[in-house]
Protein backbone atom coordinates (compact mmCIF):
# COMPACT_ATOMS: atom_id res chain seq x y z
CA MET A 1 90.00 89.47 125.05
CA THR A 2 90.75 86.15 126.72
CA LYS A 3 94.24 84.81 126.25
CA THR A 4 95.00 81.13 125.96
CA ASP A 5 98.27 79.27 126.32
CA ASN A 6 98.48 78.70 122.57
CA GLN A 7 97.65 82.25 121.52
CA PRO A 8 101.31 83.22 121.08
CA ALA A 9 101.74 80.19 118.81
CA VAL A 10 98.90 81.39 116.57
CA ALA A 11 100.26 84.96 116.50
CA ASP A 12 103.82 83.75 115.86
CA ALA A 13 102.67 81.51 113.02
CA LEU A 14 100.63 84.36 111.55
CA ASN A 15 103.56 86.79 111.80
CA ALA A 16 105.84 84.28 110.04
CA LEU A 17 103.18 83.90 107.35
CA LEU A 18 102.89 87.66 107.07
CA ALA A 19 106.66 88.11 106.68
CA ASP A 20 106.78 85.51 103.94
CA SER A 21 103.70 86.96 102.27
CA PHE A 22 105.47 90.32 102.00
CA ALA A 23 108.67 88.63 100.78
CA LEU A 24 106.73 86.65 98.17
CA TYR A 25 104.75 89.73 97.14
CA LEU A 26 107.92 91.73 96.52
CA LYS A 27 109.63 88.86 94.69
CA THR A 28 106.56 88.39 92.49
CA LYS A 29 106.48 92.13 91.69
CA ASN A 30 110.23 92.04 91.00
CA TYR A 31 109.65 89.28 88.46
CA HIS A 32 106.65 91.16 87.05
CA TRP A 33 108.86 94.20 86.48
CA HIS A 34 111.82 92.29 85.02
CA VAL A 35 110.42 89.36 83.06
CA GLN A 36 111.57 89.13 79.44
CA GLY A 37 111.26 86.71 76.59
CA PRO A 38 108.70 85.22 74.25
CA HIS A 39 106.09 84.83 77.01
CA PHE A 40 106.57 88.32 78.39
CA ARG A 41 102.97 89.49 78.24
CA GLU A 42 101.50 86.28 79.67
CA LEU A 43 103.99 86.16 82.56
CA HIS A 44 103.92 89.91 83.17
CA LEU A 45 100.15 89.73 83.66
CA LEU A 46 100.25 86.46 85.65
CA PHE A 47 102.87 87.79 88.06
CA ASP A 48 100.94 91.03 88.55
CA GLU A 49 97.69 89.16 89.22
CA GLN A 50 99.39 86.89 91.73
CA ALA A 51 101.19 89.76 93.47
CA THR A 52 97.89 91.60 93.87
CA GLN A 53 96.30 88.50 95.39
CA ILE A 54 99.19 88.01 97.83
CA LEU A 55 99.17 91.66 98.90
CA ALA A 56 95.42 91.52 99.53
CA THR A 57 95.94 88.87 102.22
CA THR A 58 98.55 90.82 104.17
CA ASP A 59 96.11 93.15 105.91
CA LEU A 60 93.85 90.23 106.82
CA ILE A 61 96.78 88.29 108.28
CA ALA A 62 97.96 91.29 110.31
CA GLU A 63 94.46 91.91 111.62
CA ARG A 64 94.21 88.28 112.77
CA VAL A 65 97.43 88.79 114.75
CA ARG A 66 95.96 91.88 116.39
CA LYS A 67 92.64 90.14 117.07
CA ASN A 68 94.67 87.50 118.88
CA GLY A 69 96.01 90.25 121.15
CA ALA A 70 99.57 90.28 119.81
CA PRO A 71 101.68 92.85 117.99
CA THR A 72 102.38 92.33 114.32
CA LEU A 73 105.25 93.24 112.02
CA ARG A 74 106.43 96.82 112.18
CA SER A 75 109.14 97.27 109.58
CA ILE A 76 111.04 95.91 106.61
CA GLY A 77 113.73 94.85 109.09
CA ASP A 78 111.15 92.89 111.07
CA ILE A 79 110.05 91.15 107.88
CA GLY A 80 113.68 90.37 107.04
CA ARG A 81 114.29 88.80 110.44
CA ARG A 82 111.21 86.56 110.15
CA GLN A 83 111.00 85.61 106.48
CA SER A 84 111.96 82.16 105.27
CA ILE A 85 111.32 82.88 101.59
CA ARG A 86 114.60 84.11 100.20
CA ASP A 87 114.95 87.36 98.28
CA ASP A 88 116.14 87.32 94.68
CA ASP A 89 118.48 90.23 94.02
CA GLY A 90 119.75 88.82 90.74
CA ALA A 91 120.23 91.40 88.02
CA THR A 92 118.88 88.96 85.45
CA VAL A 93 116.71 85.91 85.98
CA ASP A 94 115.33 83.95 83.05
CA ALA A 95 111.57 83.57 82.82
CA ASP A 96 111.55 79.79 83.39
CA THR A 97 113.54 80.20 86.60
CA MET A 98 111.13 82.91 87.74
CA VAL A 99 108.14 80.63 87.26
CA ARG A 100 109.79 77.67 89.01
CA THR A 101 111.04 79.82 91.88
CA LEU A 102 107.61 81.30 92.48
CA ALA A 103 106.03 77.84 92.43
CA THR A 104 108.50 76.66 95.08
CA ASP A 105 108.01 79.79 97.17
CA ASN A 106 104.24 79.40 97.04
CA GLU A 107 104.71 75.81 98.23
CA THR A 108 106.67 77.22 101.18
CA LEU A 109 103.80 79.60 101.88
CA LEU A 110 101.32 76.71 101.70
CA ALA A 111 103.35 74.79 104.30
CA GLN A 112 103.21 77.84 106.56
CA LEU A 113 99.47 78.08 106.07
CA LYS A 114 99.22 74.50 107.32
CA GLU A 115 101.22 75.50 110.42
CA VAL A 116 98.89 78.43 111.06
CA LYS A 117 95.88 76.16 110.60
CA ALA A 118 97.25 73.62 113.10
CA ALA A 119 98.03 76.32 115.68
CA ALA A 120 94.60 77.90 115.22
CA GLU A 121 92.80 74.60 115.59
CA THR A 122 94.80 73.72 118.69
CA ASP A 123 93.79 77.09 120.13
CA GLY A 124 90.15 76.77 119.07
CA ASP A 125 90.54 79.88 116.92
CA ILE A 126 87.92 78.98 114.33
CA ALA A 127 88.01 82.42 112.69
CA THR A 128 91.70 82.14 111.84
CA SER A 129 91.28 78.50 110.85
CA GLY A 130 88.48 79.41 108.43
CA LEU A 131 90.42 82.26 106.84
CA VAL A 132 93.43 80.01 106.33
CA ASP A 133 91.29 77.66 104.22
CA ALA A 134 90.61 80.42 101.68
CA TRP A 135 94.24 81.57 101.67
CA ALA A 136 95.40 77.98 101.13
CA ASP A 137 93.02 77.60 98.19
CA GLU A 138 94.38 80.79 96.61
CA THR A 139 97.95 79.59 97.17
CA GLN A 140 97.20 76.18 95.65
CA GLN A 141 95.73 77.91 92.61
CA ARG A 142 98.88 80.04 92.21
CA ILE A 143 101.02 76.89 92.44
CA TRP A 144 98.84 75.15 89.86
CA PHE A 145 99.04 78.08 87.43
CA LEU A 146 102.80 78.39 87.83
CA LYS A 147 103.43 74.66 87.43
CA ALA A 148 101.12 74.48 84.41
CA THR A 149 102.96 77.45 82.91
CA ALA A 150 106.31 75.75 83.54
CA GLY A 151 105.02 72.49 82.08
CA TYR A 152 105.41 70.29 85.17
């Protein structure tokens, strides 16, 4: 595998994306498990669907890091050191706050996807760049669903 000067930038951006993907996955599952209120069933199913979609990308992201010749995340601690999406350890969170928080967190993830895309294009890594397009589309759809659910 040939290394380029920008390869660490691509791997670093992917690892940051991976850390936040795991953080967002766990937060989304947390909300799935704890949502209450008149829209319980709708939100319970929406959160589960979105968590499944987020988790499905994690292996692909990690494999892109490895294909770029770099190590990827190795532990929960490693995720914690790299994540920018904040955990929510609140004992109770109302459903509207859950929806708005997840919309904002998905916007954070979308911004990271743009950083990965820029690093990949600078490096000429068309495979990573192409994958990011699909992940961005999925993230935009999650944002759309969450904002439509919240009514904004």
